[in-house]
Protein backbone atom coordinates (compact mmCIF):
# COMPACT_ATOMS: atom_id res chain seq x y z
CA UNK A 1 -0.34 29.83 -11.74
CA UNK A 2 -2.97 29.49 -14.43
CA UNK A 3 -2.83 26.75 -17.03
CA UNK A 4 -3.15 29.16 -19.92
CA UNK A 5 -1.51 32.48 -20.65
CA UNK A 6 -2.89 35.51 -22.46
CA UNK A 7 -5.99 37.70 -22.42
CA UNK A 8 -9.28 36.14 -21.42
CA UNK A 9 -7.69 32.83 -20.47
CA UNK A 10 -9.21 32.57 -16.98
CA UNK A 11 -12.65 32.74 -18.56
CA UNK A 12 -11.61 30.17 -21.21
CA UNK A 13 -10.20 27.89 -18.53
CA UNK A 14 -13.37 28.11 -16.42
CA UNK A 15 -15.38 27.36 -19.55
CA UNK A 16 -13.31 24.23 -20.21
CA UNK A 17 -13.69 23.19 -16.59
CA UNK A 18 -17.46 23.52 -16.88
CA UNK A 19 -17.50 21.56 -20.15
CA UNK A 20 -15.40 18.74 -18.68
CA UNK A 21 -17.59 18.63 -15.57
CA UNK A 22 -20.77 18.66 -17.68
CA UNK A 23 -19.40 15.83 -19.84
CA UNK A 24 -18.78 13.85 -16.65
CA UNK A 25 -22.27 14.59 -15.36
CA UNK A 26 -23.85 13.43 -18.62
CA UNK A 27 -21.75 10.28 -18.53
CA UNK A 28 -23.13 9.42 -15.09
CA UNK A 29 -26.64 9.64 -16.56
CA UNK A 30 -25.51 7.16 -19.22
CA UNK A 31 -24.12 4.96 -16.42
CA UNK A 32 -27.54 4.90 -14.77
CA UNK A 33 -29.19 4.06 -18.09
CA UNK A 34 -26.67 1.27 -18.59
CA UNK A 35 -27.68 -0.04 -15.18
CA UNK A 36 -31.23 -0.38 -16.50
CA UNK A 37 -29.93 -2.27 -19.53
CA UNK A 38 -27.92 -4.48 -17.21
CA UNK A 39 -31.00 -5.33 -15.17
CA UNK A 40 -32.87 -6.21 -18.36
CA UNK A 41 -30.00 -8.41 -19.56
CA UNK A 42 -29.72 -10.19 -16.21
CA UNK A 43 -33.45 -11.01 -16.27
CA UNK A 44 -33.24 -12.15 -19.93
CA UNK A 45 -35.53 -9.37 -21.14
CA UNK A 46 -32.93 -8.32 -23.73
CA UNK A 47 -30.36 -10.40 -25.60
CA UNK A 48 -27.10 -8.88 -24.33
CA UNK A 49 -24.07 -10.08 -22.42
CA UNK A 50 -24.53 -9.05 -18.79
CA UNK A 51 -20.77 -9.09 -18.07
CA UNK A 52 -20.12 -6.57 -20.84
CA UNK A 53 -22.93 -4.35 -19.55
CA UNK A 54 -21.39 -4.49 -16.07
CA UNK A 55 -18.12 -3.38 -17.66
CA UNK A 56 -19.89 -0.55 -19.51
CA UNK A 57 -21.69 0.50 -16.32
CA UNK A 58 -18.42 0.68 -14.39
CA UNK A 59 -16.58 2.32 -17.31
CA UNK A 60 -19.15 5.12 -17.37
CA UNK A 61 -18.70 5.81 -13.65
CA UNK A 62 -14.91 5.72 -13.97
CA UNK A 63 -15.08 8.03 -17.01
CA UNK A 64 -17.29 10.40 -15.03
CA UNK A 65 -14.76 10.49 -12.21
CA UNK A 66 -11.89 10.95 -14.67
CA UNK A 67 -13.60 13.93 -16.30
CA UNK A 68 -14.49 15.43 -12.91
CA UNK A 69 -10.92 15.15 -11.65
CA UNK A 70 -9.64 16.60 -14.91
CA UNK A 71 -12.04 19.54 -14.59
CA UNK A 72 -10.84 20.19 -11.04
CA UNK A 73 -7.13 19.96 -11.87
CA UNK A 74 -7.07 21.98 -15.12
CA UNK A 75 -5.83 25.16 -13.36
CA UNK A 76 -2.93 23.19 -11.92
CA UNK A 77 -1.58 22.16 -15.33
CA UNK A 78 0.87 24.07 -17.47
CA UNK A 79 -0.75 23.65 -20.88
CA UNK A 80 -1.49 26.43 -23.31
CA UNK A 81 -5.05 27.06 -24.46
CA UNK A 82 -4.86 24.62 -27.39
CA UNK A 83 -3.18 21.90 -25.30
CA UNK A 84 -5.80 22.21 -22.58
CA UNK A 85 -8.61 21.88 -25.10
CA UNK A 86 -6.94 18.84 -26.68
CA UNK A 87 -6.50 17.21 -23.27
CA UNK A 88 -10.18 17.68 -22.38
CA UNK A 89 -11.24 16.43 -25.81
CA UNK A 90 -9.00 13.33 -25.69
CA UNK A 91 -10.21 12.48 -22.19
CA UNK A 92 -13.89 12.93 -23.06
CA UNK A 93 -13.49 10.96 -26.30
CA UNK A 94 -11.84 8.04 -24.48
CA UNK A 95 -14.40 8.02 -21.65
CA UNK A 96 -17.47 8.17 -23.90
CA UNK A 97 -16.08 5.75 -26.50
CA UNK A 98 -15.18 3.23 -23.82
CA UNK A 99 -18.73 3.31 -22.48
CA UNK A 100 -20.45 3.24 -25.90
CA UNK A 101 -18.30 0.54 -27.51
CA UNK A 102 -18.65 -1.65 -24.43
CA UNK A 103 -22.45 -1.31 -24.56
CA UNK A 104 -22.47 -2.17 -28.27
CA UNK A 105 -20.21 -5.19 -27.82
CA UNK A 106 -22.63 -6.53 -25.18
CA UNK A 107 -25.27 -6.81 -27.89
CA UNK A 108 -22.78 -8.29 -30.39
CA UNK A 109 -21.71 -10.95 -27.84
CA UNK A 110 -18.00 -10.38 -28.47
CA UNK A 111 -15.11 -9.52 -26.16
CA UNK A 112 -13.11 -7.28 -28.48
CA UNK A 113 -9.91 -7.48 -26.45
CA UNK A 114 -7.83 -9.09 -29.20
CA UNK A 115 -8.18 -9.75 -32.92
CA UNK A 116 -9.54 -13.26 -33.48
CA UNK A 117 -10.50 -13.29 -37.15
CA UNK A 118 -14.21 -12.90 -36.31
CA UNK A 119 -15.49 -9.75 -38.05
CA UNK A 120 -17.54 -8.20 -35.23
CA UNK A 121 -14.89 -8.96 -32.60
CA UNK A 122 -12.10 -7.49 -34.74
CA UNK A 123 -14.17 -4.37 -35.47
CA UNK A 124 -14.78 -3.84 -31.74
CA UNK A 125 -11.07 -4.38 -31.05
CA UNK A 126 -10.13 -1.81 -33.72
CA UNK A 127 -12.62 0.78 -32.51
CA UNK A 128 -11.53 0.34 -28.87
CA UNK A 129 -7.89 0.73 -29.90
CA UNK A 130 -8.47 3.86 -31.99
CA UNK A 131 -11.07 5.63 -29.83
CA UNK A 132 -10.14 4.53 -26.30
CA UNK A 133 -6.60 3.19 -25.96
CA UNK A 134 -4.74 5.66 -28.18
CA UNK A 135 -6.49 8.83 -26.84
CA UNK A 136 -6.05 7.59 -23.25
CA UNK A 137 -2.33 7.03 -23.73
CA UNK A 138 -1.97 10.34 -25.56
CA UNK A 139 -3.71 12.22 -22.74
CA UNK A 140 -1.67 10.44 -20.08
CA UNK A 141 1.64 11.01 -21.86
CA UNK A 142 0.84 14.67 -22.51
CA UNK A 143 -0.23 15.14 -18.91
CA UNK A 144 2.91 13.47 -17.58
CA UNK A 145 5.16 15.43 -19.92
CA UNK A 146 3.70 18.76 -18.83
CA UNK A 147 3.49 18.09 -15.09
CA UNK A 148 6.70 16.21 -14.31
CA UNK A 149 8.88 18.67 -12.42
CA UNK A 150 12.42 18.10 -11.28
CA UNK A 151 13.17 18.91 -7.64
CA UNK A 152 14.22 22.51 -7.09
CA UNK A 153 16.86 23.41 -4.53
CA UNK A 154 17.76 26.92 -3.47
CA UNK A 155 21.38 25.85 -3.02
CA UNK A 156 22.41 22.70 -4.80
CA UNK A 157 25.13 20.59 -3.29
CA UNK A 158 26.59 18.19 -5.78
CA UNK A 159 25.89 14.99 -3.95
CA UNK A 160 24.63 11.57 -4.99
CA UNK A 161 22.08 11.95 -2.20
CA UNK A 162 20.21 14.94 -3.60
CA UNK A 163 19.68 18.58 -2.64
CA UNK A 164 20.46 20.14 0.71
CA UNK A 165 19.55 23.55 2.07
CA UNK A 166 22.24 25.98 3.14
CA UNK A 167 20.14 26.66 6.28
CA UNK A 168 20.37 23.03 7.38
CA UNK A 169 23.85 21.88 6.44
CA UNK A 170 24.80 18.24 6.67
CA UNK A 171 27.46 16.03 5.24
CA UNK A 172 26.76 13.42 2.67
CA UNK A 173 27.69 9.96 3.83
CA UNK A 174 29.89 7.72 1.75
CA UNK A 175 27.97 4.54 2.57
CA UNK A 176 25.73 2.87 0.03
CA UNK A 177 22.62 3.86 1.99
CA UNK A 178 21.84 7.58 1.94
CA UNK A 179 22.11 9.46 5.21
CA UNK A 180 19.06 9.79 7.46
CA UNK A 181 18.70 13.50 6.63
CA UNK A 182 18.91 12.82 2.88
CA UNK A 183 16.28 10.07 3.15
CA UNK A 184 13.95 12.30 5.15
CA UNK A 185 14.22 15.16 2.65
CA UNK A 186 13.88 13.13 -0.55
CA UNK A 187 11.99 9.89 0.26
CA UNK A 188 8.47 11.11 0.97
């Protein structure tokens, strides 16, 4: 089942997949460039916090993987065309902003993980919250909302232990622990 419905949607979906994959590929180039910055910071050639550059380096690789996985799984989602575009945009925004803000904060010598009253630190905290945290949560919540599927049974037996097939009948036990057959069919 395709993620989008309507005319020309397979082409649109493939286009979004390519864009998400390309965004991930570009982010890996930025990860390599951040590795060069990291080497310069570790050898005191530039005035930047090495630990923040390590974080930016790793964040770029994780963002690349996130975008690649998103590109691969887009056909498996049940979003419309607009929702799919928003999901790709929110994911790319969060991945790129996380990398960029972390690189910038390395040069500002601030952590940016909580407001402290220091102007540069608070600005980094605000930008991370608005451009990374909120889009990440929005993408995750939207993804969960659209992919969470209740179990489907061909014949539903009203039982506290779950669904049973009419081809493999069994009796529900009255003990507090579900029967072996119920556990094997629902606890995987």
